[in-house]
Amino acid sequence: MLDPKQCVLFSGGAAGAEEFFGAQAEAWGIEEVNFSFEGHQIMRRRGVRVLTQNELVLKDVSMTYVSRLMGREYTRAPLFRKVLQSICWQVSSGSEVIVIGEIQEDKTVKGGTGWGAEFAKLCNKPLLVFDQAQDAWFRWINDEWVKKDDPAITHSRFTATGTRFLQANGRRAIVELYARSFNR
């Protein structure tokens, strides 16, 4: 079991899953780093790390590539590009990635949250997703989603992201995940 005082959560502090992951981290005494950028609206103010324009550019992504990889078209708005760049910072900083969302038939995760999951796959990071629609945890293993009962956070530096539309089962999943991982 991990010592919460030795752990760091990397996230984005956005409303929904990230906000709730952060609140739980704070309750457990876990350090929190929330990547943001000028003009970005976030809910968590603890551990905010404002990325400079130069830092954002270091994690620049091709919108054509991301759209093709995800099998959907994303806006080319500068704000959305910065969101994707900040997600790259989040994923790069953690040793494992935890996502709350919904796994789709094409094995991607729904919405902008899906980029965090796909980038974790590209970086070969351990990836855990709680699918709110299926009310179950899944781990990405050998290019497949494998159902996992009662998973735990296994790395002291972990990334957590997810949907803005956090449901009651998603909140419960996060609370239970922290309890299993950091039980005092």
C-alpha atoms as a PDB file:
ATOM      1  CA  MET A   1       0.000   0.000   0.000  1.00  0.00           C
ATOM      2  CA  LEU A   2       1.206   3.500  -0.839  1.00  0.00           C
ATOM      3  CA  ASP A   3       1.890   6.195   1.732  1.00  0.00           C
ATOM      4  CA  PRO A   4      -0.315   9.125   0.656  1.00  0.00           C
ATOM      5  CA  LYS A   5       2.238  11.612   2.015  1.00  0.00           C
ATOM      6  CA  GLN A   6       4.719  10.253  -0.558  1.00  0.00           C
ATOM      7  CA  CYS A   7       2.296  10.591  -3.493  1.00  0.00           C
ATOM      8  CA  VAL A   8       1.547  13.233  -6.113  1.00  0.00           C
ATOM      9  CA  LEU A   9      -1.632  13.560  -8.168  1.00  0.00           C
ATOM     10  CA  PHE A  10      -1.243  15.201 -11.586  1.00  0.00           C
ATOM     11  CA  SER A  11      -4.457  16.533 -13.042  1.00  0.00           C
ATOM     12  CA  GLY A  12      -6.076  19.532 -14.659  1.00  0.00           C
ATOM     13  CA  GLY A  13      -8.422  20.743 -11.937  1.00  0.00           C
ATOM     14  CA  ALA A  14     -11.401  20.923 -14.305  1.00  0.00           C
ATOM     15  CA  ALA A  15     -15.013  20.542 -13.143  1.00  0.00           C
ATOM     16  CA  GLY A  16     -16.222  16.980 -12.697  1.00  0.00           C
ATOM     17  CA  ALA A  17     -13.856  14.037 -12.340  1.00  0.00           C
ATOM     18  CA  GLU A  18     -10.651  16.087 -12.029  1.00  0.00           C
ATOM     19  CA  GLU A  19     -12.179  18.308  -9.362  1.00  0.00           C
ATOM     20  CA  PHE A  20     -13.337  15.262  -7.382  1.00  0.00           C
ATOM     21  CA  PHE A  21      -9.997  13.420  -7.754  1.00  0.00           C
ATOM     22  CA  GLY A  22      -8.319  16.565  -6.409  1.00  0.00           C
ATOM     23  CA  ALA A  23     -10.680  16.917  -3.448  1.00  0.00           C
ATOM     24  CA  GLN A  24     -10.029  13.294  -2.510  1.00  0.00           C
ATOM     25  CA  ALA A  25      -6.264  13.800  -2.867  1.00  0.00           C
ATOM     26  CA  GLU A  26      -6.448  16.763  -0.522  1.00  0.00           C
ATOM     27  CA  ALA A  27      -8.501  14.760   1.997  1.00  0.00           C
ATOM     28  CA  TRP A  28      -5.852  12.008   1.966  1.00  0.00           C
ATOM     29  CA  GLY A  29      -2.939  14.467   2.265  1.00  0.00           C
ATOM     30  CA  ILE A  30      -1.677  13.770  -1.248  1.00  0.00           C
ATOM     31  CA  GLU A  31       0.248  16.511  -3.053  1.00  0.00           C
ATOM     32  CA  GLU A  32      -1.630  17.874  -6.027  1.00  0.00           C
ATOM     33  CA  VAL A  33      -0.377  19.453  -9.280  1.00  0.00           C
ATOM     34  CA  ASN A  34      -3.070  20.897 -11.530  1.00  0.00           C
ATOM     35  CA  PHE A  35      -1.776  21.929 -14.950  1.00  0.00           C
ATOM     36  CA  SER A  36      -3.441  24.971 -16.422  1.00  0.00           C
ATOM     37  CA  PHE A  37      -2.709  27.864 -18.754  1.00  0.00           C
ATOM     38  CA  GLU A  38      -3.648  31.512 -19.050  1.00  0.00           C
ATOM     39  CA  GLY A  39      -7.365  31.882 -19.744  1.00  0.00           C
ATOM     40  CA  HIS A  40      -8.256  28.333 -18.687  1.00  0.00           C
ATOM     41  CA  GLN A  41     -11.140  27.964 -16.235  1.00  0.00           C
ATOM     42  CA  ILE A  42     -10.463  25.387 -13.519  1.00  0.00           C
ATOM     43  CA  MET A  43     -12.210  24.427 -10.283  1.00  0.00           C
ATOM     44  CA  ARG A  44      -9.217  23.285  -8.196  1.00  0.00           C
ATOM     45  CA  ARG A  45      -6.896  26.028  -6.942  1.00  0.00           C
ATOM     46  CA  ARG A  46      -4.596  23.761  -4.931  1.00  0.00           C
ATOM     47  CA  GLY A  47      -1.252  23.036  -6.581  1.00  0.00           C
ATOM     48  CA  VAL A  48      -1.962  25.017  -9.753  1.00  0.00           C
ATOM     49  CA  ARG A  49       0.910  24.952 -12.243  1.00  0.00           C
ATOM     50  CA  VAL A  50       0.325  27.523 -14.991  1.00  0.00           C
ATOM     51  CA  LEU A  51       2.076  26.395 -18.177  1.00  0.00           C
ATOM     52  CA  THR A  52       3.807  29.045 -20.262  1.00  0.00           C
ATOM     53  CA  GLN A  53       3.258  29.333 -24.011  1.00  0.00           C
ATOM     54  CA  ASN A  54       6.723  27.813 -24.536  1.00  0.00           C
ATOM     55  CA  GLU A  55       5.856  24.864 -22.294  1.00  0.00           C
ATOM     56  CA  LEU A  56       2.551  24.288 -24.099  1.00  0.00           C
ATOM     57  CA  VAL A  57       4.353  24.232 -27.442  1.00  0.00           C
ATOM     58  CA  LEU A  58       6.629  21.463 -26.125  1.00  0.00           C
ATOM     59  CA  LYS A  59       3.540  19.206 -26.020  1.00  0.00           C
ATOM     60  CA  ASP A  60       1.987  20.385 -29.285  1.00  0.00           C
ATOM     61  CA  VAL A  61      -0.093  17.823 -31.140  1.00  0.00           C
ATOM     62  CA  SER A  62      -1.347  17.560 -34.694  1.00  0.00           C
ATOM     63  CA  MET A  63      -5.103  18.024 -34.634  1.00  0.00           C
ATOM     64  CA  THR A  64      -5.331  15.946 -37.824  1.00  0.00           C
ATOM     65  CA  TYR A  65      -3.439  13.099 -36.114  1.00  0.00           C
ATOM     66  CA  VAL A  66      -5.510  13.303 -32.936  1.00  0.00           C
ATOM     67  CA  SER A  67      -8.775  13.350 -34.905  1.00  0.00           C
ATOM     68  CA  ARG A  68      -7.686  10.350 -36.987  1.00  0.00           C
ATOM     69  CA  LEU A  69      -6.436   8.394 -33.957  1.00  0.00           C
ATOM     70  CA  MET A  70      -9.624   9.082 -32.026  1.00  0.00           C
ATOM     71  CA  GLY A  71     -11.923   8.462 -34.992  1.00  0.00           C
ATOM     72  CA  ARG A  72     -13.699  11.794 -34.562  1.00  0.00           C
ATOM     73  CA  GLU A  73     -13.286  15.393 -35.583  1.00  0.00           C
ATOM     74  CA  TYR A  74     -12.095  17.874 -32.982  1.00  0.00           C
ATOM     75  CA  THR A  75     -12.318  21.633 -33.138  1.00  0.00           C
ATOM     76  CA  ARG A  76      -9.214  23.455 -34.285  1.00  0.00           C
ATOM     77  CA  ALA A  77      -9.812  26.285 -31.793  1.00  0.00           C
ATOM     78  CA  PRO A  78      -6.609  27.472 -30.045  1.00  0.00           C
ATOM     79  CA  LEU A  79      -8.191  26.931 -26.601  1.00  0.00           C
ATOM     80  CA  PHE A  80      -8.908  23.263 -27.361  1.00  0.00           C
ATOM     81  CA  ARG A  81      -5.349  22.751 -28.615  1.00  0.00           C
ATOM     82  CA  LYS A  82      -4.062  24.145 -25.297  1.00  0.00           C
ATOM     83  CA  VAL A  83      -6.349  21.767 -23.393  1.00  0.00           C
ATOM     84  CA  LEU A  84      -4.864  18.816 -25.321  1.00  0.00           C
ATOM     85  CA  GLN A  85      -1.348  20.122 -24.674  1.00  0.00           C
ATOM     86  CA  SER A  86      -2.040  20.429 -20.937  1.00  0.00           C
ATOM     87  CA  ILE A  87      -3.424  16.862 -20.936  1.00  0.00           C
ATOM     88  CA  CYS A  88      -0.100  15.753 -22.445  1.00  0.00           C
ATOM     89  CA  TRP A  89       1.675  17.433 -19.507  1.00  0.00           C
ATOM     90  CA  GLN A  90      -0.605  15.595 -17.070  1.00  0.00           C
ATOM     91  CA  VAL A  91      -0.064  12.186 -18.650  1.00  0.00           C
ATOM     92  CA  SER A  92       3.696  12.699 -19.073  1.00  0.00           C
ATOM     93  CA  SER A  93       4.078  13.620 -15.399  1.00  0.00           C
ATOM     94  CA  GLY A  94       2.428  10.551 -13.881  1.00  0.00           C
ATOM     95  CA  SER A  95       3.652   6.972 -13.870  1.00  0.00           C
ATOM     96  CA  GLU A  96       0.122   5.632 -14.305  1.00  0.00           C
ATOM     97  CA  VAL A  97      -3.083   7.162 -15.661  1.00  0.00           C
ATOM     98  CA  ILE A  98      -6.592   6.866 -14.220  1.00  0.00           C
ATOM     99  CA  VAL A  99      -9.627   8.039 -16.183  1.00  0.00           C
ATOM    100  CA  ILE A 100     -13.338   8.331 -15.449  1.00  0.00           C
ATOM    101  CA  GLY A 101     -15.437   8.205 -18.612  1.00  0.00           C
ATOM    102  CA  GLU A 102     -17.004   5.825 -21.066  1.00  0.00           C
ATOM    103  CA  ILE A 103     -15.241   3.268 -23.267  1.00  0.00           C
ATOM    104  CA  GLN A 104     -16.595   3.218 -26.802  1.00  0.00           C
ATOM    105  CA  GLU A 105     -16.844   0.311 -29.247  1.00  0.00           C
ATOM    106  CA  ASP A 106     -13.680   1.461 -31.057  1.00  0.00           C
ATOM    107  CA  LYS A 107     -11.769   1.062 -27.733  1.00  0.00           C
ATOM    108  CA  THR A 108     -11.310   4.817 -27.258  1.00  0.00           C
ATOM    109  CA  VAL A 109     -12.764   6.791 -24.369  1.00  0.00           C
ATOM    110  CA  LYS A 110     -15.554   9.233 -25.147  1.00  0.00           C
ATOM    111  CA  GLY A 111     -14.957  12.987 -25.475  1.00  0.00           C
ATOM    112  CA  GLY A 112     -11.892  15.121 -24.835  1.00  0.00           C
ATOM    113  CA  THR A 113     -11.105  12.831 -21.913  1.00  0.00           C
ATOM    114  CA  GLY A 114     -10.358  10.195 -24.528  1.00  0.00           C
ATOM    115  CA  TRP A 115      -7.188  12.012 -25.580  1.00  0.00           C
ATOM    116  CA  GLY A 116      -5.709  11.481 -22.100  1.00  0.00           C
ATOM    117  CA  ALA A 117      -6.395   7.751 -22.353  1.00  0.00           C
ATOM    118  CA  GLU A 118      -5.000   7.512 -25.902  1.00  0.00           C
ATOM    119  CA  PHE A 119      -1.902   9.507 -25.000  1.00  0.00           C
ATOM    120  CA  ALA A 120      -1.357   7.166 -22.029  1.00  0.00           C
ATOM    121  CA  LYS A 121      -1.515   4.226 -24.466  1.00  0.00           C
ATOM    122  CA  LEU A 122       0.990   5.944 -26.789  1.00  0.00           C
ATOM    123  CA  CYS A 123       3.315   6.562 -23.823  1.00  0.00           C
ATOM    124  CA  ASN A 124       2.916   2.941 -22.693  1.00  0.00           C
ATOM    125  CA  LYS A 125       1.697   4.016 -19.247  1.00  0.00           C
ATOM    126  CA  PRO A 126      -0.452   1.742 -17.090  1.00  0.00           C
ATOM    127  CA  LEU A 127      -4.017   2.868 -17.832  1.00  0.00           C
ATOM    128  CA  LEU A 128      -7.107   2.331 -15.692  1.00  0.00           C
ATOM    129  CA  VAL A 129     -10.579   3.519 -16.750  1.00  0.00           C
ATOM    130  CA  PHE A 130     -13.808   3.541 -14.794  1.00  0.00           C
ATOM    131  CA  ASP A 131     -16.622   3.280 -17.339  1.00  0.00           C
ATOM    132  CA  GLN A 132     -19.633   5.009 -15.784  1.00  0.00           C
ATOM    133  CA  ALA A 133     -22.054   3.446 -18.303  1.00  0.00           C
ATOM    134  CA  GLN A 134     -20.866  -0.091 -17.477  1.00  0.00           C
ATOM    135  CA  ASP A 135     -20.282   0.736 -13.787  1.00  0.00           C
ATOM    136  CA  ALA A 136     -16.956  -1.091 -13.895  1.00  0.00           C
ATOM    137  CA  TRP A 137     -13.184  -0.607 -13.917  1.00  0.00           C
ATOM    138  CA  PHE A 138     -11.069  -1.665 -16.897  1.00  0.00           C
ATOM    139  CA  ARG A 139      -7.299  -1.852 -17.408  1.00  0.00           C
ATOM    140  CA  TRP A 140      -5.678  -1.534 -20.855  1.00  0.00           C
ATOM    141  CA  ILE A 141      -3.653  -4.741 -21.329  1.00  0.00           C
ATOM    142  CA  ASN A 142      -2.230  -6.040 -24.633  1.00  0.00           C
ATOM    143  CA  ASP A 143      -4.417  -3.712 -26.737  1.00  0.00           C
ATOM    144  CA  GLU A 144      -7.632  -4.756 -24.990  1.00  0.00           C
ATOM    145  CA  TRP A 145      -9.803  -3.483 -22.161  1.00  0.00           C
ATOM    146  CA  VAL A 146      -9.792  -6.059 -19.368  1.00  0.00           C
ATOM    147  CA  LYS A 147     -12.348  -5.756 -16.563  1.00  0.00           C
ATOM    148  CA  LYS A 148     -10.719  -5.296 -13.142  1.00  0.00           C
ATOM    149  CA  ASP A 149     -12.477  -5.728  -9.836  1.00  0.00           C
ATOM    150  CA  ASP A 150     -11.233  -3.562  -6.985  1.00  0.00           C
ATOM    151  CA  PRO A 151      -8.142  -2.006  -8.625  1.00  0.00           C
ATOM    152  CA  ALA A 152      -5.735   0.185  -6.697  1.00  0.00           C
ATOM    153  CA  ILE A 153      -3.361   3.021  -7.516  1.00  0.00           C
ATOM    154  CA  THR A 154       0.065   1.400  -7.771  1.00  0.00           C
ATOM    155  CA  HIS A 155       2.408   4.323  -8.471  1.00  0.00           C
ATOM    156  CA  SER A 156       3.195   7.234  -6.153  1.00  0.00           C
ATOM    157  CA  ARG A 157       3.101   9.692  -9.083  1.00  0.00           C
ATOM    158  CA  PHE A 158      -0.245   9.200 -10.781  1.00  0.00           C
ATOM    159  CA  THR A 159      -2.384  11.126 -13.247  1.00  0.00           C
ATOM    160  CA  ALA A 160      -6.158  11.336 -12.917  1.00  0.00           C
ATOM    161  CA  THR A 161      -8.530  12.889 -15.416  1.00  0.00           C
ATOM    162  CA  GLY A 162     -12.013  12.354 -16.696  1.00  0.00           C
ATOM    163  CA  THR A 163     -15.386  13.563 -17.734  1.00  0.00           C
ATOM    164  CA  ARG A 164     -16.966  16.826 -16.626  1.00  0.00           C
ATOM    165  CA  PHE A 165     -20.181  14.812 -16.256  1.00  0.00           C
ATOM    166  CA  LEU A 166     -19.219  12.862 -13.147  1.00  0.00           C
ATOM    167  CA  GLN A 167     -22.059  10.620 -11.991  1.00  0.00           C
ATOM    168  CA  ALA A 168     -22.725   9.162  -8.546  1.00  0.00           C
ATOM    169  CA  ASN A 169     -21.120   5.831  -9.505  1.00  0.00           C
ATOM    170  CA  GLY A 170     -18.018   7.666 -10.748  1.00  0.00           C
ATOM    171  CA  ARG A 171     -17.717   9.535  -7.441  1.00  0.00           C
ATOM    172  CA  ARG A 172     -18.143   6.269  -5.526  1.00  0.00           C
ATOM    173  CA  ALA A 173     -15.505   4.594  -7.726  1.00  0.00           C
ATOM    174  CA  ILE A 174     -12.993   7.368  -6.954  1.00  0.00           C
ATOM    175  CA  VAL A 175     -13.674   7.276  -3.197  1.00  0.00           C
ATOM    176  CA  GLU A 176     -13.275   3.482  -3.136  1.00  0.00           C
ATOM    177  CA  LEU A 177     -10.140   3.594  -5.316  1.00  0.00           C
ATOM    178  CA  TYR A 178      -8.452   5.993  -2.878  1.00  0.00           C
ATOM    179  CA  ALA A 179      -9.547   3.885   0.106  1.00  0.00           C
ATOM    180  CA  ARG A 180      -8.115   0.693  -1.422  1.00  0.00           C
ATOM    181  CA  SER A 181      -4.886   2.441  -2.429  1.00  0.00           C
ATOM    182  CA  PHE A 182      -4.157   4.467   0.701  1.00  0.00           C
ATOM    183  CA  ASN A 183      -6.009   2.760   3.548  1.00  0.00           C
ATOM    184  CA  ARG A 184      -4.493   4.033   6.770  1.00  0.00           C
END
